[in-house]
Amino acid sequence: MIIKIFWQESCTRCPPTKKLGESLEGRGVKVEYHDVDSPDGLAEAMFYDVLSTPSLIITDDEKKEISAWRGETPKIEDVKKFL
C-alpha cells in the first residue's frame, strides 16, 4: 500500500497533509510526496485526477486507487481504516 500526497508550495492547506504523511511514515507506511508544480508531480496528479491541493490518495502495490481525499486533509483515523 502506498500513500500519495499531492501538494504545492503556495498551498496554505498543504502543511497539515504533509505532517500527516510524516506521521504515517513513522508508522512504517510508504508515503510519496508529489509537488504538482514540478513536471513529474503534475504528471502523477493528472494520472490520479488530482485537481486541487492538498490531496491524499491511497493505492495498492499496483498503483490502483483504493481511497482518496482531494482538496482536503483527512483525519488519521480515516486513513488508518485502509492500512
N, C-alpha and C. Protein backbone atom coordinates (compact mmCIF):
# COMPACT_ATOMS: atom_id res chain seq x y z
N MET A 1 0.83 -1.17 0.00
CA MET A 1 0.00 0.00 0.00
C MET A 1 0.89 1.25 0.00
N ILE A 2 0.47 2.23 -0.76
CA ILE A 2 1.25 3.47 -0.89
C ILE A 2 0.31 4.66 -0.67
N ILE A 3 0.78 5.62 0.10
CA ILE A 3 0.07 6.88 0.28
C ILE A 3 0.74 7.90 -0.63
N LYS A 4 -0.04 8.54 -1.47
CA LYS A 4 0.48 9.58 -2.36
C LYS A 4 -0.09 10.91 -1.91
N ILE A 5 0.79 11.85 -1.60
CA ILE A 5 0.37 13.18 -1.17
C ILE A 5 0.73 14.18 -2.25
N PHE A 6 -0.27 14.91 -2.70
CA PHE A 6 -0.08 15.92 -3.74
C PHE A 6 -0.18 17.29 -3.08
N TRP A 7 0.84 18.11 -3.31
CA TRP A 7 0.94 19.40 -2.64
C TRP A 7 1.60 20.41 -3.56
N GLN A 8 1.57 21.67 -3.13
CA GLN A 8 2.33 22.70 -3.82
C GLN A 8 2.74 23.76 -2.80
N GLU A 9 3.83 24.41 -3.09
CA GLU A 9 4.44 25.36 -2.16
C GLU A 9 3.49 26.48 -1.76
N SER A 10 2.70 26.97 -2.68
CA SER A 10 1.81 28.10 -2.40
C SER A 10 0.53 27.70 -1.67
N CYS A 11 0.32 26.43 -1.44
CA CYS A 11 -0.90 25.94 -0.81
C CYS A 11 -0.82 26.12 0.71
N THR A 12 -1.72 26.92 1.25
CA THR A 12 -1.73 27.15 2.70
C THR A 12 -2.38 26.01 3.47
N ARG A 13 -3.10 25.14 2.76
CA ARG A 13 -3.74 23.99 3.42
C ARG A 13 -2.91 22.72 3.32
N CYS A 14 -1.76 22.77 2.67
CA CYS A 14 -0.94 21.58 2.45
C CYS A 14 -0.10 21.14 3.67
N PRO A 15 0.43 22.04 4.48
CA PRO A 15 1.27 21.59 5.59
C PRO A 15 0.65 20.52 6.51
N PRO A 16 -0.63 20.61 6.88
CA PRO A 16 -1.18 19.54 7.72
C PRO A 16 -1.19 18.17 7.02
N THR A 17 -1.40 18.17 5.71
CA THR A 17 -1.39 16.91 4.97
C THR A 17 0.02 16.33 4.93
N LYS A 18 1.01 17.19 4.72
CA LYS A 18 2.39 16.71 4.72
C LYS A 18 2.78 16.19 6.11
N LYS A 19 2.28 16.84 7.15
CA LYS A 19 2.55 16.39 8.52
C LYS A 19 1.90 15.03 8.78
N LEU A 20 0.69 14.84 8.25
CA LEU A 20 0.02 13.55 8.35
C LEU A 20 0.87 12.48 7.66
N GLY A 21 1.41 12.80 6.50
CA GLY A 21 2.28 11.86 5.79
C GLY A 21 3.50 11.48 6.61
N GLU A 22 4.10 12.45 7.27
CA GLU A 22 5.27 12.18 8.11
C GLU A 22 4.88 11.27 9.28
N SER A 23 3.72 11.49 9.85
CA SER A 23 3.23 10.64 10.94
C SER A 23 3.03 9.21 10.46
N LEU A 24 2.47 9.05 9.27
CA LEU A 24 2.27 7.72 8.71
C LEU A 24 3.59 7.04 8.40
N GLU A 25 4.56 7.80 7.89
CA GLU A 25 5.89 7.25 7.64
C GLU A 25 6.49 6.71 8.93
N GLY A 26 6.28 7.42 10.03
CA GLY A 26 6.78 6.98 11.33
C GLY A 26 6.18 5.66 11.77
N ARG A 27 5.05 5.30 11.19
CA ARG A 27 4.38 4.03 11.49
C ARG A 27 4.73 2.95 10.47
N GLY A 28 5.68 3.27 9.59
CA GLY A 28 6.14 2.29 8.62
C GLY A 28 5.37 2.26 7.31
N VAL A 29 4.52 3.24 7.07
CA VAL A 29 3.74 3.31 5.83
C VAL A 29 4.58 3.99 4.76
N LYS A 30 4.52 3.45 3.54
CA LYS A 30 5.24 4.07 2.43
C LYS A 30 4.45 5.29 1.95
N VAL A 31 5.12 6.45 1.95
CA VAL A 31 4.48 7.71 1.54
C VAL A 31 5.31 8.35 0.44
N GLU A 32 4.63 8.78 -0.61
CA GLU A 32 5.27 9.52 -1.70
C GLU A 32 4.71 10.93 -1.70
N TYR A 33 5.58 11.91 -1.89
CA TYR A 33 5.17 13.31 -1.95
C TYR A 33 5.34 13.81 -3.38
N HIS A 34 4.30 14.41 -3.92
CA HIS A 34 4.33 14.89 -5.30
C HIS A 34 4.01 16.38 -5.33
N ASP A 35 4.99 17.18 -5.69
CA ASP A 35 4.82 18.62 -5.85
C ASP A 35 4.20 18.86 -7.22
N VAL A 36 2.96 19.31 -7.25
CA VAL A 36 2.27 19.47 -8.53
C VAL A 36 2.82 20.62 -9.36
N ASP A 37 3.72 21.41 -8.80
CA ASP A 37 4.38 22.46 -9.57
C ASP A 37 5.55 21.93 -10.38
N SER A 38 5.94 20.68 -10.14
CA SER A 38 7.03 20.07 -10.92
C SER A 38 6.40 19.24 -12.05
N PRO A 39 7.12 19.06 -13.15
CA PRO A 39 6.57 18.27 -14.26
C PRO A 39 6.20 16.84 -13.85
N ASP A 40 7.05 16.18 -13.07
CA ASP A 40 6.75 14.81 -12.65
C ASP A 40 5.55 14.77 -11.71
N GLY A 41 5.49 15.72 -10.78
CA GLY A 41 4.37 15.77 -9.85
C GLY A 41 3.06 16.05 -10.56
N LEU A 42 3.10 16.94 -11.54
CA LEU A 42 1.90 17.26 -12.31
C LEU A 42 1.43 16.06 -13.12
N ALA A 43 2.37 15.33 -13.70
CA ALA A 43 2.01 14.14 -14.47
C ALA A 43 1.35 13.10 -13.57
N GLU A 44 1.89 12.90 -12.38
CA GLU A 44 1.30 11.95 -11.42
C GLU A 44 -0.09 12.43 -10.99
N ALA A 45 -0.23 13.72 -10.76
CA ALA A 45 -1.53 14.29 -10.38
C ALA A 45 -2.56 14.08 -11.49
N MET A 46 -2.16 14.26 -12.72
CA MET A 46 -3.08 14.05 -13.85
C MET A 46 -3.52 12.60 -13.91
N PHE A 47 -2.59 11.67 -13.65
CA PHE A 47 -2.91 10.25 -13.69
C PHE A 47 -4.01 9.90 -12.68
N TYR A 48 -3.97 10.56 -11.51
CA TYR A 48 -4.94 10.28 -10.44
C TYR A 48 -6.07 11.31 -10.37
N ASP A 49 -6.24 12.11 -11.41
CA ASP A 49 -7.31 13.12 -11.47
C ASP A 49 -7.31 14.07 -10.28
N VAL A 50 -6.12 14.48 -9.86
CA VAL A 50 -5.99 15.44 -8.77
C VAL A 50 -6.09 16.83 -9.39
N LEU A 51 -7.11 17.58 -8.95
CA LEU A 51 -7.33 18.92 -9.48
C LEU A 51 -7.11 20.00 -8.43
N SER A 52 -6.91 19.61 -7.17
CA SER A 52 -6.69 20.60 -6.12
C SER A 52 -5.76 20.01 -5.06
N THR A 53 -5.12 20.92 -4.35
CA THR A 53 -4.23 20.50 -3.28
C THR A 53 -4.77 21.04 -1.97
N PRO A 54 -4.49 20.33 -0.89
CA PRO A 54 -3.79 19.06 -0.82
C PRO A 54 -4.71 17.91 -1.26
N SER A 55 -4.11 16.85 -1.71
CA SER A 55 -4.85 15.62 -1.99
C SER A 55 -4.03 14.45 -1.49
N LEU A 56 -4.73 13.45 -0.98
CA LEU A 56 -4.08 12.24 -0.48
C LEU A 56 -4.78 11.06 -1.13
N ILE A 57 -4.00 10.22 -1.78
CA ILE A 57 -4.52 9.05 -2.48
C ILE A 57 -3.88 7.81 -1.87
N ILE A 58 -4.70 6.81 -1.55
CA ILE A 58 -4.19 5.52 -1.09
C ILE A 58 -4.27 4.57 -2.27
N THR A 59 -3.15 3.93 -2.60
CA THR A 59 -3.12 2.98 -3.70
C THR A 59 -2.63 1.63 -3.21
N ASP A 60 -2.96 0.60 -3.99
CA ASP A 60 -2.38 -0.70 -3.69
C ASP A 60 -1.01 -0.77 -4.35
N ASP A 61 -0.34 -1.90 -4.26
CA ASP A 61 1.01 -2.00 -4.79
C ASP A 61 1.07 -1.93 -6.32
N GLU A 62 -0.08 -2.13 -6.99
CA GLU A 62 -0.15 -2.00 -8.45
C GLU A 62 -0.55 -0.59 -8.86
N LYS A 63 -0.58 0.33 -7.90
CA LYS A 63 -0.90 1.74 -8.11
C LYS A 63 -2.37 1.99 -8.47
N LYS A 64 -3.25 1.05 -8.10
CA LYS A 64 -4.68 1.25 -8.29
C LYS A 64 -5.23 1.97 -7.07
N GLU A 65 -6.05 2.97 -7.31
CA GLU A 65 -6.61 3.77 -6.23
C GLU A 65 -7.56 2.96 -5.36
N ILE A 66 -7.35 3.06 -4.05
CA ILE A 66 -8.21 2.41 -3.07
C ILE A 66 -9.15 3.43 -2.44
N SER A 67 -8.61 4.58 -2.08
CA SER A 67 -9.40 5.66 -1.49
C SER A 67 -8.69 6.98 -1.75
N ALA A 68 -9.44 8.08 -1.64
CA ALA A 68 -8.84 9.38 -1.93
C ALA A 68 -9.56 10.50 -1.21
N TRP A 69 -8.79 11.52 -0.90
CA TRP A 69 -9.30 12.78 -0.37
C TRP A 69 -8.68 13.86 -1.24
N ARG A 70 -9.48 14.48 -2.06
CA ARG A 70 -8.99 15.50 -2.98
C ARG A 70 -9.40 16.88 -2.46
N GLY A 71 -8.42 17.75 -2.32
CA GLY A 71 -8.69 19.11 -1.87
C GLY A 71 -8.92 19.23 -0.38
N GLU A 72 -8.54 18.21 0.38
CA GLU A 72 -8.74 18.24 1.82
C GLU A 72 -7.72 17.35 2.52
N THR A 73 -7.58 17.56 3.81
CA THR A 73 -6.72 16.71 4.64
C THR A 73 -7.62 15.77 5.43
N PRO A 74 -7.44 14.47 5.24
CA PRO A 74 -8.28 13.53 6.01
C PRO A 74 -7.79 13.43 7.45
N LYS A 75 -8.64 12.90 8.29
CA LYS A 75 -8.24 12.58 9.66
C LYS A 75 -7.44 11.30 9.63
N ILE A 76 -6.46 11.18 10.52
CA ILE A 76 -5.61 9.99 10.53
C ILE A 76 -6.45 8.73 10.75
N GLU A 77 -7.53 8.84 11.52
CA GLU A 77 -8.38 7.68 11.77
C GLU A 77 -9.03 7.18 10.47
N ASP A 78 -9.38 8.10 9.58
CA ASP A 78 -9.97 7.72 8.30
C ASP A 78 -8.97 7.01 7.41
N VAL A 79 -7.73 7.45 7.45
CA VAL A 79 -6.68 6.83 6.64
C VAL A 79 -6.35 5.44 7.20
N LYS A 80 -6.28 5.33 8.51
CA LYS A 80 -5.93 4.06 9.16
C LYS A 80 -6.89 2.93 8.79
N LYS A 81 -8.12 3.26 8.47
CA LYS A 81 -9.10 2.24 8.09
C LYS A 81 -8.67 1.42 6.88
N PHE A 82 -7.80 2.02 6.07
CA PHE A 82 -7.37 1.36 4.84
C PHE A 82 -6.00 0.70 4.95
N LEU A 83 -5.33 0.88 6.07
CA LEU A 83 -3.97 0.35 6.22
C LEU A 83 -3.96 -1.05 6.79
